[in-house]
Amino acid sequence: MNHHLLRSTAIGFLPILGLLTLTTLLGCQDQTGSLSSGQGPSSRPSSRPAPKTKRLPDTKGFDALLHRIVKKGKVDYASLQKDHKQLDAFLESLSKANLEGASKEEQLVFWINAYNAGCLKLVLDHILGRGPMGRDLEGVLKVAGFFKKREIKVAGSLLSLDAIETNGRKLGDPRIHFAVNCASVSCPPIREAAWVVDGLDEALTRATERYLASPQGLQITKDGVRISKIFQWYQKDFGGLKGVRAFLMRYAPKAAKEKLAGSIDWLEYDWSLNRWSK
């Protein structure tokens, strides 16, 4: 075989092959538009992830748990310690929640329930049976960083109780302070049911009025009233001291309203565990 002849023929064929290739490419350009435009059927599909959709936890199990363990505003921690599967399941659903697109009411309910469930979890993990000789600790202040450093997973992020409460406070309704419960005697009592959107405004009002009618929330004195330190710690949420007076004029018992022109002092806060006992 004449290798020289084959090589010459191949070399001579290259310009023809290049012309055919260019013609083919130009034909494709006519069919699909500019090759660099990214348009037409040859375009790659978008690799952007699909937008997340709102996913809020089902509160039925948590509601059933609260009906079982909450008695007259106190918590039957022995019952919780014996069976906390419903709490664990609710916390799991909280961890996977997505608030994107949720209404203000849905968000407020979410953060209240998250706080109350998270507080129960921290009591379960760090107070019950954690004292000397396996006894329970006296209260939340016996646990270092109970509110600021101990965390639970909520909506994909690890959050402290303070961070959870702050998210709820940002929604601008100071009545949240009477819906969240910090597992202590002087705290507003924990509700015997999970918080839900239906009837939320009325429920927040009832919780506020109930607390202000209790000795933990407000006491009438000779010269005025003594009120919970919640109003001192979160005074900005109420619009300053003037706002506190206006808030009390709206929600406090009638007898207390008649004393609001006088002095306002603060009640001592009892951080003992809000344990129910027979």
Protein backbone atom coordinates (compact mmCIF):
# COMPACT_ATOMS: atom_id res chain seq x y z
CA MET A 1 0.00 0.00 0.00
CA ASN A 2 1.27 3.47 -0.91
CA HIS A 3 1.33 5.18 2.51
CA HIS A 4 2.54 8.42 0.96
CA LEU A 5 -0.52 8.51 -1.30
CA LEU A 6 -2.93 7.87 1.60
CA ARG A 7 -1.32 10.63 3.69
CA SER A 8 -1.56 13.10 0.81
CA THR A 9 -5.20 12.24 0.20
CA ALA A 10 -6.05 12.70 3.90
CA ILE A 11 -4.30 16.06 4.03
CA GLY A 12 -6.17 17.21 0.97
CA PHE A 13 -9.47 16.13 2.49
CA LEU A 14 -9.05 18.24 5.69
CA PRO A 15 -10.17 21.58 4.17
CA ILE A 16 -13.30 19.89 2.84
CA LEU A 17 -14.04 18.37 6.27
CA GLY A 18 -13.59 21.77 7.93
CA LEU A 19 -15.96 23.39 5.45
CA LEU A 20 -18.59 20.72 6.12
CA THR A 21 -18.25 21.20 9.89
CA LEU A 22 -18.62 24.98 9.61
CA THR A 23 -21.68 24.57 7.40
CA THR A 24 -23.25 22.21 9.93
CA LEU A 25 -22.63 24.65 12.79
CA LEU A 26 -24.10 27.55 10.84
CA GLY A 27 -27.16 25.44 10.10
CA CYS A 28 -27.58 24.73 13.81
CA GLN A 29 -27.25 28.45 14.48
CA ASP A 30 -30.06 29.16 12.04
CA GLN A 31 -32.28 26.65 13.85
CA THR A 32 -31.55 27.57 17.46
CA GLY A 33 -30.18 31.12 17.38
CA SER A 34 -26.76 32.20 18.53
CA LEU A 35 -24.72 29.35 20.01
CA SER A 36 -23.64 31.56 22.85
CA SER A 37 -27.08 32.97 23.64
CA GLY A 38 -28.23 30.03 25.72
CA GLN A 39 -31.67 30.16 24.04
CA GLY A 40 -33.66 27.48 22.28
CA PRO A 41 -33.95 23.74 22.84
CA SER A 42 -30.23 23.34 23.48
CA SER A 43 -30.43 25.48 26.67
CA ARG A 44 -29.64 23.77 29.98
CA PRO A 45 -32.47 23.63 32.53
CA SER A 46 -32.12 25.92 35.56
CA SER A 47 -30.21 24.37 38.47
CA ARG A 48 -31.83 26.67 41.07
CA PRO A 49 -33.54 24.76 43.90
CA ALA A 50 -37.30 24.89 44.13
CA PRO A 51 -38.55 27.52 46.62
CA LYS A 52 -39.32 26.22 50.10
CA THR A 53 -42.93 26.11 51.16
CA LYS A 54 -44.44 26.93 54.54
CA ARG A 55 -44.30 23.98 56.92
CA LEU A 56 -45.74 24.44 60.40
CA PRO A 57 -45.82 21.74 63.10
CA ASP A 58 -48.98 19.84 63.96
CA THR A 59 -49.84 20.78 67.55
CA LYS A 60 -52.27 17.93 68.31
CA GLY A 61 -49.75 15.75 70.13
CA PHE A 62 -48.33 18.69 72.09
CA ASP A 63 -51.86 19.75 72.96
CA ALA A 64 -52.63 16.27 74.32
CA LEU A 65 -49.42 16.34 76.36
CA LEU A 66 -50.30 19.69 77.95
CA HIS A 67 -53.78 18.48 78.82
CA ARG A 68 -52.15 15.56 80.63
CA ILE A 69 -49.36 17.30 82.54
CA VAL A 70 -50.66 20.83 83.26
CA LYS A 71 -52.78 21.11 86.40
CA LYS A 72 -53.99 24.49 87.66
CA GLY A 73 -51.16 26.30 85.90
CA LYS A 74 -48.46 24.02 87.33
CA VAL A 75 -46.69 21.09 85.68
CA ASP A 76 -46.81 17.44 86.71
CA TYR A 77 -43.14 16.83 85.97
CA ALA A 78 -43.28 13.26 87.26
CA SER A 79 -45.82 12.47 84.55
CA LEU A 80 -43.68 14.24 81.93
CA GLN A 81 -40.59 12.35 83.03
CA LYS A 82 -42.44 9.05 82.82
CA ASP A 83 -43.68 9.64 79.26
CA HIS A 84 -42.36 12.43 77.04
CA LYS A 85 -42.81 10.84 73.60
CA GLN A 86 -45.33 13.50 72.55
CA LEU A 87 -42.93 16.25 73.56
CA ASP A 88 -40.10 14.62 71.62
CA ALA A 89 -42.29 14.27 68.52
CA PHE A 90 -43.35 17.92 68.68
CA LEU A 91 -39.76 19.08 69.10
CA GLU A 92 -38.81 17.03 66.05
CA SER A 93 -41.51 18.75 63.99
CA LEU A 94 -40.36 22.15 65.29
CA SER A 95 -36.85 21.42 64.07
CA LYS A 96 -38.10 20.85 60.51
CA ALA A 97 -40.51 23.78 60.37
CA ASN A 98 -40.33 26.52 57.74
CA LEU A 99 -41.96 29.89 58.45
CA GLU A 100 -41.56 31.34 54.97
CA GLY A 101 -44.94 32.73 53.97
CA ALA A 102 -46.45 32.28 57.46
CA SER A 103 -48.82 34.98 58.71
CA LYS A 104 -48.00 37.11 61.76
CA GLU A 105 -50.48 35.09 63.82
CA GLU A 106 -48.97 31.78 62.66
CA GLN A 107 -45.50 33.02 63.55
CA LEU A 108 -46.58 34.21 66.99
CA VAL A 109 -48.24 30.88 67.77
CA PHE A 110 -45.15 29.06 66.50
CA TRP A 111 -42.70 30.95 68.74
CA ILE A 112 -44.92 30.68 71.83
CA ASN A 113 -45.29 26.91 71.43
CA ALA A 114 -41.58 26.57 70.62
CA TYR A 115 -40.64 28.42 73.81
CA ASN A 116 -42.95 26.41 76.04
CA ALA A 117 -41.95 23.07 74.52
CA GLY A 118 -38.28 24.01 74.64
CA CYS A 119 -38.53 24.99 78.29
CA LEU A 120 -40.14 21.66 79.18
CA LYS A 121 -37.34 19.87 77.31
CA LEU A 122 -34.62 21.77 79.18
CA VAL A 123 -36.27 21.06 82.54
CA LEU A 124 -36.45 17.39 81.59
CA ASP A 125 -32.79 17.28 80.57
CA HIS A 126 -31.13 19.57 83.12
CA ILE A 127 -33.31 19.85 86.25
CA LEU A 128 -35.23 16.63 86.89
CA GLY A 129 -33.00 14.18 88.73
CA ARG A 130 -29.91 16.38 88.30
CA GLY A 131 -29.47 17.46 91.92
CA PRO A 132 -27.58 15.78 94.79
CA MET A 133 -28.56 12.15 95.38
CA GLY A 134 -30.57 12.21 92.15
CA ARG A 135 -33.03 14.79 93.41
CA ASP A 136 -34.44 17.53 91.21
CA LEU A 137 -32.76 20.93 91.16
CA GLU A 138 -34.71 23.74 92.82
CA GLY A 139 -35.26 25.79 89.68
CA VAL A 140 -34.01 27.09 86.36
CA LEU A 141 -31.43 29.46 87.87
CA LYS A 142 -29.56 26.41 89.18
CA VAL A 143 -28.70 25.54 85.56
CA ALA A 144 -25.91 27.64 84.05
CA GLY A 145 -27.08 29.35 80.88
CA PHE A 146 -30.59 27.91 81.06
CA PHE A 147 -32.06 30.76 79.04
CA LYS A 148 -29.07 32.00 77.04
CA LYS A 149 -26.85 29.00 76.27
CA ARG A 150 -28.92 25.80 76.34
CA GLU A 151 -30.34 25.29 72.86
CA ILE A 152 -32.96 23.35 70.94
CA LYS A 153 -33.33 23.02 67.19
CA VAL A 154 -36.08 25.21 65.76
CA ALA A 155 -36.76 25.71 62.05
CA GLY A 156 -33.35 24.31 61.17
CA SER A 157 -31.34 26.41 63.65
CA LEU A 158 -30.09 25.85 67.19
CA LEU A 159 -31.71 28.52 69.36
CA SER A 160 -31.69 29.40 73.05
CA LEU A 161 -34.91 30.20 74.89
CA ASP A 162 -33.92 33.88 74.84
CA ALA A 163 -33.49 33.76 71.06
CA ILE A 164 -36.85 32.02 70.61
CA GLU A 165 -38.58 34.62 72.78
CA THR A 166 -36.84 37.46 70.93
CA ASN A 167 -38.18 36.16 67.62
CA GLY A 168 -41.67 36.25 69.07
CA ARG A 169 -41.21 39.68 70.66
CA LYS A 170 -40.19 41.14 67.30
CA LEU A 171 -43.77 40.61 66.13
CA GLY A 172 -44.80 43.53 68.33
CA ASP A 173 -47.46 42.09 70.65
CA PRO A 174 -46.32 42.45 74.30
CA ARG A 175 -48.99 39.99 75.41
CA ILE A 176 -46.54 37.27 74.36
CA HIS A 177 -44.96 37.72 77.81
CA PHE A 178 -48.08 36.22 79.38
CA ALA A 179 -48.21 33.26 77.00
CA VAL A 180 -44.66 31.94 77.40
CA ASN A 181 -43.78 30.05 80.56
CA CYS A 182 -40.28 29.88 82.08
CA ALA A 183 -40.99 26.93 84.41
CA SER A 184 -40.99 29.13 87.52
CA VAL A 185 -43.57 30.03 90.16
CA SER A 186 -43.66 33.75 89.31
CA CYS A 187 -44.00 33.14 85.57
CA PRO A 188 -47.39 33.46 83.89
CA PRO A 189 -48.93 29.97 84.17
CA ILE A 190 -48.46 27.58 81.30
CA ARG A 191 -51.60 27.02 79.27
CA GLU A 192 -53.32 23.63 79.45
CA ALA A 193 -53.43 23.50 75.66
CA ALA A 194 -51.20 24.30 72.72
CA TRP A 195 -51.54 27.77 71.24
CA VAL A 196 -53.37 27.97 67.92
CA VAL A 197 -54.27 30.75 65.48
CA ASP A 198 -58.02 30.30 65.92
CA GLY A 199 -59.12 32.64 68.72
CA LEU A 200 -55.55 33.85 69.32
CA ASP A 201 -56.38 37.47 70.18
CA GLU A 202 -58.97 36.47 72.77
CA ALA A 203 -56.66 33.82 74.23
CA LEU A 204 -53.80 36.32 74.63
CA THR A 205 -56.14 38.75 76.36
CA ARG A 206 -57.38 36.06 78.76
CA ALA A 207 -53.82 34.99 79.59
CA THR A 208 -52.83 38.60 80.27
CA GLU A 209 -55.85 39.35 82.44
CA ARG A 210 -55.44 36.08 84.31
CA TYR A 211 -51.85 36.89 85.23
CA LEU A 212 -52.62 40.45 86.30
CA ALA A 213 -55.40 39.12 88.52
CA SER A 214 -52.93 36.81 90.29
CA PRO A 215 -50.59 37.73 93.18
CA GLN A 216 -47.64 36.83 90.96
CA GLY A 217 -48.65 39.45 88.41
CA LEU A 218 -50.02 42.36 90.44
CA GLN A 219 -50.68 43.33 94.04
CA ILE A 220 -52.49 46.44 95.24
CA THR A 221 -50.72 48.52 97.88
CA LYS A 222 -51.74 51.52 99.98
CA ASP A 223 -50.01 53.95 97.64
CA GLY A 224 -50.31 52.19 94.29
CA VAL A 225 -49.48 48.77 92.88
CA ARG A 226 -46.65 46.27 92.82
CA ILE A 227 -46.29 44.42 89.54
CA SER A 228 -44.24 41.58 88.06
CA LYS A 229 -40.64 42.30 87.12
CA ILE A 230 -41.60 41.20 83.61
CA PHE A 231 -42.73 44.81 83.15
CA GLN A 232 -39.33 46.03 84.34
CA TRP A 233 -37.20 43.66 82.27
CA TYR A 234 -39.18 44.21 79.08
CA GLN A 235 -40.31 47.79 79.68
CA LYS A 236 -39.42 48.80 76.11
CA ASP A 237 -41.87 46.23 74.74
CA PHE A 238 -44.66 48.09 76.53
CA GLY A 239 -43.52 51.56 75.45
CA GLY A 240 -41.69 52.58 78.62
CA LEU A 241 -43.22 53.20 82.04
CA LYS A 242 -45.95 55.34 80.52
CA GLY A 243 -46.79 52.45 78.21
CA VAL A 244 -46.83 50.05 81.16
CA ARG A 245 -49.45 52.20 82.89
CA ALA A 246 -51.54 52.30 79.71
CA PHE A 247 -51.24 48.52 79.37
CA LEU A 248 -52.36 48.00 82.95
CA MET A 249 -55.29 50.38 82.45
CA ARG A 250 -56.44 48.09 79.66
CA TYR A 251 -55.86 44.65 81.20
CA ALA A 252 -55.60 44.94 85.00
CA PRO A 253 -58.54 44.31 87.37
CA LYS A 254 -60.77 47.32 88.05
CA ALA A 255 -59.57 47.74 91.63
CA ALA A 256 -55.97 47.96 90.42
CA LYS A 257 -56.80 50.51 87.72
CA GLU A 258 -57.97 52.91 90.41
CA LYS A 259 -54.46 52.78 91.94
CA LEU A 260 -52.41 53.33 88.79
CA ALA A 261 -52.03 57.06 89.37
CA GLY A 262 -49.97 56.16 92.45
CA SER A 263 -46.59 54.48 92.76
CA ILE A 264 -45.52 51.41 90.80
CA ASP A 265 -43.10 49.02 92.47
CA TRP A 266 -41.78 45.60 91.48
CA LEU A 267 -42.64 42.24 93.01
CA GLU A 268 -39.90 39.81 93.97
CA TYR A 269 -39.61 37.04 91.38
CA ASP A 270 -39.86 33.46 92.62
CA TRP A 271 -37.69 31.24 90.41
CA SER A 272 -38.69 27.99 92.15
CA LEU A 273 -39.78 25.22 89.79
CA ASN A 274 -43.49 25.46 88.91
CA ARG A 275 -44.12 21.92 90.07
CA TRP A 276 -47.62 20.58 90.60
CA SER A 277 -48.02 18.45 93.70
CA LYS A 278 -51.05 16.67 95.09
